[in-house]
N, C-alpha and C. Protein backbone atom coordinates (compact mmCIF):
# COMPACT_ATOMS: atom_id res chain seq x y z
N MET A 1 3.65 -19.20 2.74
CA MET A 1 3.75 -18.14 2.43
C MET A 1 2.45 -17.61 1.35
N ARG A 2 2.43 -16.62 1.30
CA ARG A 2 1.11 -16.15 0.24
C ARG A 2 1.61 -15.53 -0.50
N GLU A 3 1.20 -15.50 -1.53
CA GLU A 3 1.16 -15.32 -3.08
C GLU A 3 0.29 -15.06 -3.78
N PHE A 4 -0.04 -13.63 -4.68
CA PHE A 4 -0.90 -12.91 -5.03
C PHE A 4 -0.68 -12.82 -6.56
N ASP A 5 -1.55 -12.88 -7.46
CA ASP A 5 -1.08 -12.61 -8.81
C ASP A 5 -2.21 -11.29 -9.42
N VAL A 6 -1.51 -10.20 -9.79
CA VAL A 6 -2.07 -8.78 -10.39
C VAL A 6 -2.23 -8.97 -11.61
N ALA A 7 -3.55 -9.62 -12.17
CA ALA A 7 -4.23 -9.57 -13.84
C ALA A 7 -4.52 -9.12 -14.58
N LEU A 8 -3.25 -8.03 -15.16
CA LEU A 8 -3.99 -6.55 -15.82
C LEU A 8 -4.56 -6.73 -17.01
N ASP A 9 -4.19 -7.97 -17.54
CA ASP A 9 -4.69 -8.18 -18.72
C ASP A 9 -5.99 -8.80 -18.96
N ARG A 10 -6.58 -9.69 -17.29
CA ARG A 10 -7.67 -10.42 -17.35
C ARG A 10 -8.98 -9.32 -16.61
N PHE A 11 -8.49 -8.53 -16.11
CA PHE A 11 -9.32 -8.28 -15.13
C PHE A 11 -9.30 -6.37 -15.26
N ARG A 12 -10.16 -5.89 -15.23
CA ARG A 12 -10.37 -4.19 -15.10
C ARG A 12 -9.28 -3.68 -14.62
N VAL A 13 -8.87 -2.71 -14.88
CA VAL A 13 -7.40 -2.02 -14.05
C VAL A 13 -7.93 -1.29 -12.69
N TYR A 14 -9.19 -1.17 -12.62
CA TYR A 14 -10.13 -0.69 -11.22
C TYR A 14 -9.94 -2.02 -10.31
N GLU A 15 -10.48 -3.26 -10.89
CA GLU A 15 -10.24 -4.58 -9.95
C GLU A 15 -8.78 -4.92 -9.39
N CYS A 16 -7.79 -4.51 -10.50
CA CYS A 16 -6.51 -4.95 -9.71
C CYS A 16 -6.18 -3.87 -8.87
N GLY A 17 -6.30 -2.62 -9.23
CA GLY A 17 -5.86 -1.08 -8.30
C GLY A 17 -6.50 -1.92 -6.82
N ALA A 18 -7.78 -2.52 -6.76
CA ALA A 18 -8.64 -2.63 -5.53
C ALA A 18 -7.86 -3.83 -4.75
N GLU A 19 -8.01 -4.60 -5.86
CA GLU A 19 -6.94 -6.21 -4.88
C GLU A 19 -5.91 -5.36 -4.52
N LEU A 20 -4.91 -4.64 -5.40
CA LEU A 20 -3.51 -4.24 -4.30
C LEU A 20 -3.79 -3.59 -3.33
N LEU A 21 -4.76 -2.17 -3.14
CA LEU A 21 -5.04 -1.85 -2.26
C LEU A 21 -5.62 -2.41 -0.92
N THR A 22 -6.21 -3.48 -1.40
CA THR A 22 -6.53 -4.35 -0.03
C THR A 22 -5.64 -5.39 0.43
N ILE A 23 -4.77 -5.55 -0.48
CA ILE A 23 -3.48 -6.78 -0.08
C ILE A 23 -2.95 -5.87 0.94
N MET A 24 -2.42 -4.67 0.40
CA MET A 24 -1.17 -3.38 1.39
C MET A 24 -2.41 -3.07 2.61
N THR A 25 -3.22 -2.59 2.84
CA THR A 25 -3.93 -2.57 3.81
C THR A 25 -5.02 -3.31 4.71
N SER A 26 -5.16 -4.18 4.57
CA SER A 26 -5.52 -5.53 5.14
C SER A 26 -5.11 -7.04 5.41
N SER A 27 -3.78 -6.75 5.03
CA SER A 27 -3.13 -8.28 5.41
C SER A 27 -2.98 -8.72 6.33
N ASP A 28 -3.37 -7.96 7.64
CA ASP A 28 -2.94 -8.52 8.88
C ASP A 28 -4.02 -9.39 9.79
N ASP A 29 -3.94 -9.77 10.34
CA ASP A 29 -4.66 -11.17 10.81
C ASP A 29 -6.28 -10.16 11.78
N ALA A 30 -5.96 -8.98 12.04
CA ALA A 30 -6.84 -8.50 12.42
C ALA A 30 -8.07 -8.33 11.26
N VAL A 31 -7.94 -8.61 10.46
CA VAL A 31 -8.97 -8.18 9.31
C VAL A 31 -9.18 -9.73 8.73
N SER A 32 -10.57 -9.92 8.45
CA SER A 32 -11.08 -11.42 8.31
C SER A 32 -11.42 -11.32 6.59
N GLU A 33 -11.10 -12.52 5.99
CA GLU A 33 -11.19 -12.59 4.66
C GLU A 33 -12.57 -12.34 3.94
N GLU A 34 -14.12 -11.87 5.23
CA GLU A 34 -14.74 -11.61 4.22
C GLU A 34 -14.40 -10.16 4.13
N ARG A 35 -14.34 -9.61 5.38
CA ARG A 35 -14.11 -7.94 5.72
C ARG A 35 -13.05 -7.24 4.42
N ARG A 36 -12.25 -8.70 3.59
CA ARG A 36 -11.35 -7.72 3.06
C ARG A 36 -12.28 -7.79 1.07
N GLY A 37 -12.97 -8.87 0.96
CA GLY A 37 -14.00 -9.19 0.03
C GLY A 37 -14.74 -7.57 0.14
N GLU A 38 -15.12 -7.13 1.08
CA GLU A 38 -16.67 -5.57 1.07
C GLU A 38 -15.09 -5.09 0.86
N LEU A 39 -13.91 -4.94 1.70
CA LEU A 39 -13.50 -4.00 1.10
C LEU A 39 -12.84 -3.66 -0.14
N PHE A 40 -12.82 -4.73 -1.27
CA PHE A 40 -12.64 -4.65 -2.60
C PHE A 40 -13.89 -4.36 -3.30
N ALA A 41 -15.00 -5.05 -2.91
CA ALA A 41 -16.08 -4.02 -3.57
C ALA A 41 -16.59 -3.31 -3.55
N SER A 42 -15.73 -2.47 -2.26
CA SER A 42 -15.96 -0.84 -2.15
C SER A 42 -15.37 -0.11 -2.95
N LEU A 43 -14.15 -0.79 -2.95
CA LEU A 43 -12.74 0.00 -4.08
C LEU A 43 -13.46 0.05 -5.37
N CYS A 44 -13.93 -1.20 -5.70
CA CYS A 44 -14.40 -1.08 -6.99
C CYS A 44 -15.73 -0.25 -7.67
N GLY A 45 -16.73 -0.24 -6.53
CA GLY A 45 -17.57 0.76 -6.20
C GLY A 45 -17.19 2.01 -6.97
N ARG A 46 -16.27 2.49 -5.97
CA ARG A 46 -15.76 3.78 -5.85
C ARG A 46 -15.22 4.01 -7.10
N ALA A 47 -14.22 3.11 -7.82
CA ALA A 47 -13.47 3.38 -8.79
C ALA A 47 -15.21 3.44 -10.11
N LEU A 48 -16.02 2.96 -10.10
CA LEU A 48 -16.83 3.22 -11.05
C LEU A 48 -17.81 4.48 -10.86
N ARG A 49 -17.88 4.91 -9.48
CA ARG A 49 -18.67 6.09 -9.55
C ARG A 49 -17.71 7.19 -9.90
N GLN A 50 -16.63 7.10 -9.56
CA GLN A 50 -15.28 8.45 -9.72
C GLN A 50 -15.31 8.37 -11.31
N GLU A 51 -15.45 7.15 -12.06
CA GLU A 51 -15.67 7.65 -13.64
C GLU A 51 -16.78 7.76 -14.54
N TYR A 52 -17.77 7.91 -13.35
CA TYR A 52 -19.19 7.98 -14.10
C TYR A 52 -19.25 9.70 -13.75
N LEU A 53 -18.48 10.23 -12.72
CA LEU A 53 -18.83 11.79 -12.35
C LEU A 53 -17.70 12.21 -13.04
N GLN A 54 -16.76 11.86 -13.90
CA GLN A 54 -15.62 12.65 -14.31
C GLN A 54 -16.30 12.27 -16.34
N ASN A 55 -17.05 11.53 -16.59
CA ASN A 55 -17.45 11.58 -17.80
C ASN A 55 -19.49 11.15 -17.57
N PRO A 56 -19.94 12.32 -16.87
CA PRO A 56 -21.15 11.87 -16.64
C PRO A 56 -22.29 11.44 -18.15
N ASP A 57 -21.63 11.97 -19.24
CA ASP A 57 -22.42 12.08 -19.97
C ASP A 57 -21.85 10.60 -21.46
N GLU A 58 -21.17 10.14 -20.71
CA GLU A 58 -20.44 8.74 -21.66
C GLU A 58 -21.79 7.83 -21.52
N THR A 59 -22.58 7.10 -23.02
CA THR A 59 -23.16 6.21 -23.07
C THR A 59 -22.35 4.81 -23.45
N THR A 60 -21.10 4.82 -23.46
CA THR A 60 -20.79 3.66 -23.90
C THR A 60 -21.19 2.48 -23.29
N GLU A 61 -21.69 1.64 -23.42
CA GLU A 61 -21.66 0.68 -22.20
C GLU A 61 -20.89 -0.47 -21.84
N ILE A 62 -21.18 -0.98 -20.66
CA ILE A 62 -20.12 -1.42 -19.85
C ILE A 62 -20.36 -2.70 -19.33
N THR A 63 -19.77 -3.54 -18.72
CA THR A 63 -19.91 -4.57 -17.94
C THR A 63 -19.76 -4.84 -16.78
N VAL A 64 -20.25 -4.49 -15.79
CA VAL A 64 -19.85 -4.90 -14.61
C VAL A 64 -20.72 -5.93 -13.20
N LYS A 65 -19.91 -6.19 -12.42
CA LYS A 65 -20.74 -6.93 -11.17
C LYS A 65 -21.75 -5.87 -10.37
N ARG A 66 -22.40 -6.52 -10.07
CA ARG A 66 -24.01 -6.25 -9.13
C ARG A 66 -23.38 -5.00 -8.10
N GLN A 67 -22.40 -5.99 -7.50
CA GLN A 67 -21.81 -5.93 -5.90
C GLN A 67 -21.56 -4.89 -6.11
N TYR A 68 -20.89 -4.23 -6.92
CA TYR A 68 -20.04 -3.16 -7.59
C TYR A 68 -21.19 -2.14 -7.35
N VAL A 69 -21.72 -2.14 -8.25
CA VAL A 69 -22.52 -0.72 -8.47
C VAL A 69 -23.71 -0.70 -7.54
N PHE A 70 -24.48 -1.68 -7.06
CA PHE A 70 -25.27 -1.90 -6.34
C PHE A 70 -24.98 -1.36 -4.58
N ARG A 71 -23.66 -1.62 -3.97
CA ARG A 71 -22.85 -1.33 -2.79
C ARG A 71 -23.73 -0.30 -1.93
N ASP A 72 -24.42 0.00 -0.97
CA ASP A 72 -24.66 0.96 -0.31
C ASP A 72 -23.49 2.04 -0.29
N PRO A 73 -23.99 3.61 -0.54
CA PRO A 73 -23.09 4.33 -0.76
C PRO A 73 -22.14 4.68 0.44
N LYS A 74 -23.03 4.54 1.78
CA LYS A 74 -22.42 4.69 3.22
C LYS A 74 -21.39 3.72 3.56
N ILE A 75 -21.77 2.65 3.21
CA ILE A 75 -20.73 1.39 3.63
C ILE A 75 -19.92 2.03 2.82
N LEU A 76 -20.04 2.21 1.12
CA LEU A 76 -18.73 2.03 0.34
C LEU A 76 -17.82 3.40 1.11
N ASP A 77 -18.41 4.27 1.36
CA ASP A 77 -17.90 5.95 1.87
C ASP A 77 -16.52 5.27 2.95
N ARG A 78 -17.51 4.62 3.92
CA ARG A 78 -16.83 4.12 5.33
C ARG A 78 -15.98 3.26 4.69
N ASP A 79 -15.65 1.83 4.14
CA ASP A 79 -14.88 1.21 3.44
C ASP A 79 -13.35 2.28 2.75
N VAL A 80 -14.05 3.06 2.16
CA VAL A 80 -12.87 3.71 1.79
C VAL A 80 -12.08 4.83 2.73
N ARG A 81 -12.85 4.91 3.38
CA ARG A 81 -12.03 5.82 4.71
C ARG A 81 -11.14 4.99 4.90
N PHE A 82 -11.67 3.47 5.58
CA PHE A 82 -10.58 2.48 6.42
C PHE A 82 -9.31 2.62 5.46
N VAL A 83 -9.69 2.04 4.10
CA VAL A 83 -8.60 2.02 3.49
C VAL A 83 -7.73 2.91 3.04
N PHE A 84 -8.18 4.35 3.43
CA PHE A 84 -7.55 5.59 3.11
C PHE A 84 -6.54 5.86 4.40
N LYS A 85 -7.33 5.48 5.58
CA LYS A 85 -6.33 5.47 6.81
C LYS A 85 -5.41 4.27 6.66
N ARG A 86 -5.77 3.27 6.20
CA ARG A 86 -4.59 2.27 6.84
C ARG A 86 -3.56 2.41 5.93
N LEU A 87 -3.69 2.77 4.29
CA LEU A 87 -3.00 3.21 3.99
C LEU A 87 -1.72 4.45 4.36
N ARG A 88 -2.47 5.16 4.89
CA ARG A 88 -1.30 6.52 5.49
C ARG A 88 -0.46 5.57 6.72
N HIS A 89 -1.00 4.63 7.51
CA HIS A 89 0.00 4.10 8.44
C HIS A 89 0.59 3.28 7.43
N ARG A 90 0.64 2.49 6.47
CA ARG A 90 1.72 1.64 5.68
C ARG A 90 2.37 2.49 4.87
N LEU A 91 2.60 3.58 4.81
CA LEU A 91 3.48 4.64 4.09
C LEU A 91 3.90 5.44 5.52
N ILE A 92 3.88 5.42 6.59
CA ILE A 92 4.79 6.04 7.48
C ILE A 92 5.97 4.60 7.68
N ALA A 93 4.73 3.10 8.00
CA ALA A 93 5.96 2.00 7.75
C ALA A 93 6.73 2.36 7.11
N GLY A 94 6.27 2.28 5.56
CA GLY A 94 7.71 2.68 4.44
C GLY A 94 8.40 3.28 4.87
N ARG A 95 8.39 4.58 5.49
CA ARG A 95 9.38 5.30 5.87
C ARG A 95 10.43 4.96 6.87
N ILE A 96 9.60 4.28 8.06
CA ILE A 96 10.36 3.52 9.21
C ILE A 96 11.43 1.96 7.97
N ALA A 97 11.12 1.66 7.48
CA ALA A 97 11.88 0.57 6.50
C ALA A 97 12.90 1.68 5.48
N LEU A 98 12.58 2.08 5.09
CA LEU A 98 13.36 2.91 3.99
C LEU A 98 14.71 2.87 4.22
N PRO A 99 15.28 3.55 5.57
CA PRO A 99 16.81 3.24 5.70
C PRO A 99 17.54 1.66 5.86
N PHE A 100 16.52 0.92 6.32
CA PHE A 100 16.87 -0.75 6.21
C PHE A 100 16.86 -1.10 4.65
N PHE A 101 16.14 -0.57 3.56
CA PHE A 101 16.13 -0.94 2.38
C PHE A 101 17.70 -0.39 1.67
N GLN A 102 17.52 0.67 2.67
CA GLN A 102 19.06 1.68 1.77
C GLN A 102 20.41 1.01 2.18
N ARG A 103 20.23 0.50 3.60
CA ARG A 103 21.29 -0.05 4.12
C ARG A 103 21.76 -1.88 2.98
N ALA A 104 20.71 -2.41 2.99
CA ALA A 104 20.95 -3.47 2.02
C ALA A 104 21.30 -3.08 0.31
N GLU A 105 20.67 -2.33 0.40
CA GLU A 105 21.04 -1.76 -1.19
C GLU A 105 22.48 -1.24 -1.66
N LEU A 106 23.27 -0.38 -0.53
CA LEU A 106 24.41 0.11 -0.65
C LEU A 106 25.59 -0.66 0.46
N GLY A 107 24.95 -1.91 0.53
CA GLY A 107 26.18 -2.42 1.86
C GLY A 107 26.69 -1.81 2.64
N ALA A 108 25.96 -0.86 3.23
CA ALA A 108 27.04 0.04 4.23
C ALA A 108 25.87 1.16 4.87
N MET A 109 26.06 1.39 6.09
CA MET A 109 25.21 2.32 6.30
C MET A 109 24.65 3.56 5.63
N PRO A 110 23.36 3.86 5.46
CA PRO A 110 22.86 5.13 4.79
C PRO A 110 23.04 6.41 5.67
N PRO A 111 23.40 7.27 4.99
CA PRO A 111 22.70 8.67 6.22
C PRO A 111 21.52 8.40 6.72
N LEU A 112 21.42 8.52 8.26
CA LEU A 112 20.01 8.75 9.31
C LEU A 112 19.31 9.88 8.60
N PRO A 113 17.96 9.56 9.23
CA PRO A 113 17.40 11.25 9.13
C PRO A 113 18.05 11.75 10.07
N GLU A 114 17.67 13.01 10.26
CA GLU A 114 18.20 14.12 11.62
C GLU A 114 17.58 13.48 12.87
N GLY A 115 18.24 13.47 13.62
CA GLY A 115 18.16 13.12 14.99
C GLY A 115 17.94 11.69 15.14
N VAL A 116 18.36 10.90 14.25
CA VAL A 116 17.63 9.52 14.39
C VAL A 116 19.18 9.09 14.76
N LYS A 117 20.22 8.74 15.57
CA LYS A 117 21.15 8.47 16.51
C LYS A 117 21.84 6.72 16.19
N ARG A 118 20.94 5.88 15.65
CA ARG A 118 21.25 4.22 15.59
C ARG A 118 20.03 4.20 14.48
N LEU A 119 20.52 3.03 13.59
CA LEU A 119 19.71 2.19 12.68
C LEU A 119 18.95 1.11 13.75
N SER A 120 17.55 1.63 14.07
CA SER A 120 16.61 0.61 14.93
C SER A 120 15.29 1.23 15.23
N ILE A 121 14.28 0.15 14.72
CA ILE A 121 13.02 0.31 14.88
C ILE A 121 12.79 1.08 15.74
N ASN A 122 13.05 1.21 16.74
CA ASN A 122 12.54 2.07 18.30
C ASN A 122 12.63 3.62 17.27
N GLN A 123 14.23 3.99 16.98
CA GLN A 123 15.00 5.25 17.21
C GLN A 123 13.82 5.53 15.73
N LEU A 124 13.02 5.14 14.66
CA LEU A 124 12.78 5.75 13.71
C LEU A 124 11.16 5.53 14.19
N ALA A 125 10.54 5.13 15.15
CA ALA A 125 9.07 5.01 15.14
C ALA A 125 9.25 6.37 16.13
N GLU A 126 10.25 6.67 16.77
CA GLU A 126 10.46 7.97 17.49
C GLU A 126 10.43 9.09 16.14
N PHE A 127 10.82 9.03 15.11
CA PHE A 127 11.39 9.76 14.05
C PHE A 127 10.04 10.55 13.67
N VAL A 128 9.08 9.04 13.58
CA VAL A 128 7.86 9.44 12.69
C VAL A 128 6.56 9.32 14.00
N LEU A 129 6.85 9.49 15.08
CA LEU A 129 6.01 9.78 16.05
C LEU A 129 4.81 10.69 15.38
N ASN A 130 5.32 12.04 15.25
CA ASN A 130 4.28 13.23 15.30
C ASN A 130 3.17 12.61 14.23
N GLU A 131 3.77 12.20 12.95
CA GLU A 131 2.86 11.78 11.88
C GLU A 131 1.64 10.60 12.10
N THR A 132 1.73 9.73 13.31
CA THR A 132 0.66 8.51 13.86
C THR A 132 -0.07 9.03 14.73
N GLY A 133 -0.15 10.19 15.38
CA GLY A 133 -0.67 10.48 16.73
C GLY A 133 -0.70 9.74 17.86
N GLU A 134 0.85 8.71 17.79
CA GLU A 134 0.51 8.03 19.03
C GLU A 134 1.70 9.37 19.84
N SER A 135 1.92 8.55 21.22
CA SER A 135 2.04 9.35 22.47
C SER A 135 3.75 8.60 22.54
N GLU A 136 3.84 7.44 22.67
CA GLU A 136 5.43 6.65 22.59
C GLU A 136 5.54 6.01 21.32
N PRO A 137 6.61 5.99 21.26
CA PRO A 137 7.20 5.18 19.95
C PRO A 137 7.22 3.35 19.84
N THR A 138 6.83 3.21 21.00
CA THR A 138 6.50 1.38 21.34
C THR A 138 5.07 1.44 20.81
N ASN A 139 4.15 2.41 20.88
CA ASN A 139 2.92 2.10 20.35
C ASN A 139 2.92 2.44 18.71
N VAL A 140 3.69 2.98 18.30
CA VAL A 140 4.03 3.18 17.18
C VAL A 140 4.54 1.73 16.33
N GLU A 141 5.52 1.14 17.13
CA GLU A 141 5.98 -0.33 16.25
C GLU A 141 4.74 -1.44 17.05
N LYS A 142 4.37 -1.08 17.71
CA LYS A 142 2.79 -1.97 17.74
C LYS A 142 1.12 -1.95 16.82
N ARG A 143 1.28 -0.44 16.60
CA ARG A 143 -0.18 -0.15 15.79
C ARG A 143 0.21 0.09 14.04
N THR A 144 1.38 0.60 13.96
CA THR A 144 1.77 1.28 12.73
C THR A 144 2.91 -0.19 11.88
N TRP A 145 3.96 -0.26 12.99
CA TRP A 145 5.13 -1.00 12.29
C TRP A 145 4.34 -2.28 11.82
N ALA A 146 4.13 -3.08 13.28
CA ALA A 146 3.82 -4.82 13.59
C ALA A 146 2.84 -4.90 12.30
N PRO A 147 1.49 -4.23 12.06
CA PRO A 147 0.74 -4.61 10.80
C PRO A 147 1.03 -4.71 9.52
N SER A 148 2.30 -3.90 9.52
CA SER A 148 2.60 -3.69 8.03
C SER A 148 3.70 -4.39 7.48
N ARG A 149 4.26 -5.43 8.53
CA ARG A 149 5.33 -6.11 8.37
C ARG A 149 5.57 -6.98 7.06
N SER A 150 4.63 -7.59 6.89
CA SER A 150 4.25 -8.82 5.75
C SER A 150 3.87 -8.02 4.42
N VAL A 151 3.77 -6.56 4.67
CA VAL A 151 3.71 -6.02 3.35
C VAL A 151 4.70 -5.07 3.34
N ILE A 152 5.55 -4.62 3.92
CA ILE A 152 6.64 -3.76 3.90
C ILE A 152 7.08 -3.59 2.74
N HIS A 153 7.37 -4.28 2.02
CA HIS A 153 8.27 -4.24 0.50
C HIS A 153 6.87 -3.32 -0.49
N LEU A 154 5.30 -3.60 -0.31
CA LEU A 154 4.64 -2.87 -1.06
C LEU A 154 4.51 -1.46 -0.53
N ALA A 155 4.31 -1.20 0.67
CA ALA A 155 4.45 0.21 1.50
C ALA A 155 5.54 0.93 1.25
N THR A 156 6.58 0.32 1.12
CA THR A 156 7.66 1.22 0.59
C THR A 156 7.84 1.37 -0.66
N ALA A 157 7.57 0.38 -1.50
CA ALA A 157 7.31 0.67 -2.83
C ALA A 157 6.51 1.52 -3.19
N THR A 158 5.49 1.99 -2.65
CA THR A 158 4.67 2.72 -2.84
C THR A 158 4.85 4.23 -2.24
N LEU A 159 5.58 4.14 -1.40
CA LEU A 159 6.18 5.47 -1.07
C LEU A 159 6.67 6.14 -1.42
N LEU A 160 8.24 5.41 -2.59
CA LEU A 160 8.82 5.36 -3.37
C LEU A 160 8.45 6.09 -3.93
N VAL A 161 7.35 5.27 -5.38
CA VAL A 161 6.78 6.07 -6.29
C VAL A 161 5.58 7.48 -6.07
N LEU A 162 5.47 7.38 -4.56
CA LEU A 162 4.43 8.35 -4.06
C LEU A 162 5.50 9.46 -4.13
N GLN A 163 6.46 9.57 -4.53
CA GLN A 163 7.96 10.36 -4.24
C GLN A 163 8.29 10.99 -5.45
N GLU A 164 8.02 9.71 -6.30
CA GLU A 164 8.48 10.17 -8.13
C GLU A 164 7.55 10.33 -8.68
N VAL A 165 6.04 10.08 -8.35
CA VAL A 165 5.36 9.93 -9.48
C VAL A 165 4.63 11.41 -9.12
N GLY A 166 4.47 11.42 -7.57
CA GLY A 166 3.54 12.42 -6.99
C GLY A 166 4.15 14.10 -7.55
N ARG A 167 5.42 14.05 -8.06
CA ARG A 167 5.81 15.30 -8.31
C ARG A 167 4.93 15.86 -9.31
N ARG A 168 4.72 14.65 -10.28
CA ARG A 168 4.02 15.05 -11.51
C ARG A 168 2.64 15.09 -11.21
N LEU A 169 1.98 14.78 -10.15
CA LEU A 169 0.72 15.30 -9.89
C LEU A 169 0.17 15.89 -8.76
N ASP A 170 1.76 16.74 -8.74
CA ASP A 170 1.62 17.80 -7.85
C ASP A 170 1.10 17.39 -6.47
N GLY A 171 1.92 16.15 -6.42
CA GLY A 171 1.78 15.64 -4.75
C GLY A 171 0.50 14.86 -4.26
N GLN A 172 -0.30 14.76 -5.50
CA GLN A 172 -1.89 14.48 -4.92
C GLN A 172 -1.96 12.96 -5.58
N LEU A 173 -1.27 12.28 -5.07
CA LEU A 173 -1.49 10.74 -5.35
C LEU A 173 -2.55 10.37 -4.47
N THR A 174 -3.94 10.01 -5.10
CA THR A 174 -5.22 9.85 -4.34
C THR A 174 -5.55 8.47 -4.80
N LEU A 175 -6.38 7.64 -3.71
CA LEU A 175 -6.62 6.17 -3.89
C LEU A 175 -7.54 6.15 -5.33
N ASP A 176 -7.96 7.25 -6.05
CA ASP A 176 -8.21 7.07 -7.21
C ASP A 176 -7.63 6.92 -8.44
N HIS A 177 -6.26 7.25 -8.18
CA HIS A 177 -5.20 7.02 -9.41
C HIS A 177 -4.62 5.42 -8.86
N PHE A 178 -4.78 4.99 -7.54
CA PHE A 178 -4.49 3.41 -7.93
C PHE A 178 -5.39 2.47 -8.44
N LEU A 179 -6.58 3.27 -8.78
CA LEU A 179 -7.71 2.53 -9.00
C LEU A 179 -7.90 2.86 -10.84
N SER A 180 -7.27 3.29 -11.12
CA SER A 180 -7.28 3.85 -12.37
C SER A 180 -6.38 4.09 -13.56
N GLU A 181 -5.02 4.04 -13.10
CA GLU A 181 -3.56 3.99 -13.75
C GLU A 181 -3.05 2.66 -13.26
N ARG A 182 -2.90 1.86 -14.79
CA ARG A 182 -2.19 0.76 -15.03
C ARG A 182 -0.68 0.80 -14.71
N VAL A 183 0.05 1.77 -15.39
CA VAL A 183 0.87 2.05 -15.36
C VAL A 183 1.53 2.07 -13.61
N LEU A 184 1.06 2.94 -12.90
CA LEU A 184 0.87 2.93 -11.53
C LEU A 184 1.46 1.83 -10.82
N ILE A 185 -0.08 0.99 -10.82
CA ILE A 185 0.14 -0.02 -10.69
C ILE A 185 1.14 -1.19 -11.04
N GLU A 186 1.62 -1.46 -12.29
CA GLU A 186 2.88 -2.05 -12.48
C GLU A 186 4.08 -1.48 -11.63
N VAL A 187 4.50 -0.03 -12.22
CA VAL A 187 5.33 0.29 -11.35
C VAL A 187 5.51 -0.02 -9.77
N ILE A 188 4.64 -0.11 -9.01
CA ILE A 188 4.46 -0.57 -7.50
C ILE A 188 4.94 -2.00 -7.67
N VAL A 189 4.24 -2.96 -8.27
CA VAL A 189 4.56 -4.23 -7.88
C VAL A 189 5.86 -4.68 -8.42
N ARG A 190 6.15 -3.89 -9.24
CA ARG A 190 7.72 -4.22 -9.71
C ARG A 190 8.42 -3.83 -8.68
N ARG A 191 8.21 -2.24 -8.32
CA ARG A 191 9.64 -1.95 -7.34
C ARG A 191 9.49 -2.72 -5.95
N ALA A 192 8.51 -3.69 -5.78
CA ALA A 192 7.84 -4.00 -4.48
C ALA A 192 9.06 -5.40 -4.64
N GLN A 193 9.00 -5.73 -5.78
CA GLN A 193 9.82 -7.11 -6.10
C GLN A 193 10.89 -7.03 -5.76
N ALA A 194 11.27 -5.42 -6.40
CA ALA A 194 12.84 -5.68 -6.32
C ALA A 194 13.35 -5.33 -4.85
N LEU A 195 12.55 -4.62 -3.77
CA LEU A 195 12.57 -4.39 -2.86
C LEU A 195 12.09 -5.85 -1.54
N GLU A 196 11.92 -6.56 -2.49
CA GLU A 196 11.37 -7.77 -2.02
C GLU A 196 12.79 -8.77 -1.83
N GLN A 197 13.44 -8.83 -2.75
CA GLN A 197 15.16 -9.37 -3.20
C GLN A 197 16.08 -8.48 -2.44
N LEU A 198 15.94 -7.54 -1.48
CA LEU A 198 16.72 -6.73 -1.34
C LEU A 198 16.72 -7.72 0.21
N ILE A 199 15.43 -7.47 0.80
CA ILE A 199 15.27 -8.53 1.43
C ILE A 199 15.64 -9.99 1.46
N GLU A 200 15.52 -10.51 0.58
CA GLU A 200 16.36 -11.83 0.72
C GLU A 200 17.86 -12.23 1.04
N ARG A 201 18.21 -10.64 0.26
CA ARG A 201 19.78 -11.05 0.69
C ARG A 201 20.45 -10.34 1.84
N ASP A 202 19.85 -9.64 2.54
CA ASP A 202 20.13 -8.87 3.48
C ASP A 202 19.58 -10.17 5.19
N PRO A 203 20.65 -10.89 5.66
CA PRO A 203 19.87 -11.49 6.62
C PRO A 203 20.16 -10.19 7.85
N LYS A 204 20.12 -8.98 8.00
CA LYS A 204 20.38 -8.36 9.06
C LYS A 204 18.81 -7.78 9.02
N PHE A 205 18.11 -7.90 7.53
CA PHE A 205 16.74 -7.00 7.56
C PHE A 205 15.79 -7.57 8.57
N PRO A 206 15.21 -6.13 9.32
CA PRO A 206 14.31 -6.65 10.33
C PRO A 206 12.94 -7.79 9.76
N ILE A 207 12.52 -8.02 8.93
CA ILE A 207 12.03 -9.08 8.53
C ILE A 207 11.90 -9.86 7.59
N LYS A 208 11.78 -10.65 8.28
CA LYS A 208 12.41 -12.11 6.74
C LYS A 208 11.36 -12.27 5.86
N ALA A 209 12.29 -13.02 4.94
CA ALA A 209 11.67 -12.53 3.50
C ALA A 209 10.24 -13.96 3.39
N SER A 210 10.09 -14.95 3.95
CA SER A 210 9.33 -15.66 3.81
C SER A 210 8.00 -14.63 5.08
N ASP A 211 7.99 -13.99 5.17
CA ASP A 211 7.09 -13.72 6.25
C ASP A 211 6.44 -12.32 5.22
N LEU A 212 7.05 -12.03 3.76
CA LEU A 212 6.32 -11.42 3.10
C LEU A 212 4.91 -11.65 2.44
N ILE A 213 4.16 -11.05 1.79
CA ILE A 213 2.86 -11.21 0.83
C ILE A 213 3.60 -11.29 -0.51
N LYS A 214 3.88 -11.86 -1.35
CA LYS A 214 4.30 -11.43 -2.60
C LYS A 214 3.33 -11.20 -3.80
N VAL A 215 2.93 -10.38 -4.29
CA VAL A 215 2.69 -9.68 -5.37
C VAL A 215 3.30 -9.75 -6.64
N ARG A 216 2.35 -10.51 -8.01
CA ARG A 216 3.31 -10.79 -8.79
C ARG A 216 2.09 -10.42 -10.19
N LEU A 217 2.84 -9.72 -10.94
CA LEU A 217 2.61 -9.17 -12.64
C LEU A 217 2.36 -10.48 -13.02
N VAL A 218 0.84 -10.34 -13.57
CA VAL A 218 0.66 -12.09 -14.80
C VAL A 218 -0.06 -11.70 -15.95
């Protein structure tokens, strides 16, 4: 069982946000530890670049790590695109998981999305099929659902926060919000912990709590 600490009082907000995004989007075995480190550095570099673009005349001195500010812009942009694409897939997996969380919370079958006849991964994969660009539900299960299993609590928490906070932001919750808003990071992690507890209590949930990557605020 893996567990990560998000230390908002010891590290910069953008570093904590970058760590959360990296865990959520590259937790599967297809991504090496070295690659995760590269994605993390690129996300931190992105945050610093955006901060500068928003306040180009700011003269306050700051201390930053060299690998963030001297990162090749092309590599940085490539990595950010990778994370954005992966995050989109995680949110789709969150939509698949949401009815299972609702059942766990209610202790009864929740209303299912229109066209979904029974609560199953295959049925819900078919429901989100058009969003994935896939032609078959089995491909959604393999390429979107399966890689998201260990972070499904984080993915669903992010989906729910997107629905709630996104209204305040006119629906435009971007990667930059993850890298700059401390409250957003805190809310997502706490919501994910609550969803993790639902999985622990529900023996019918399609993922075991022991398979989750746990994230804690410290």
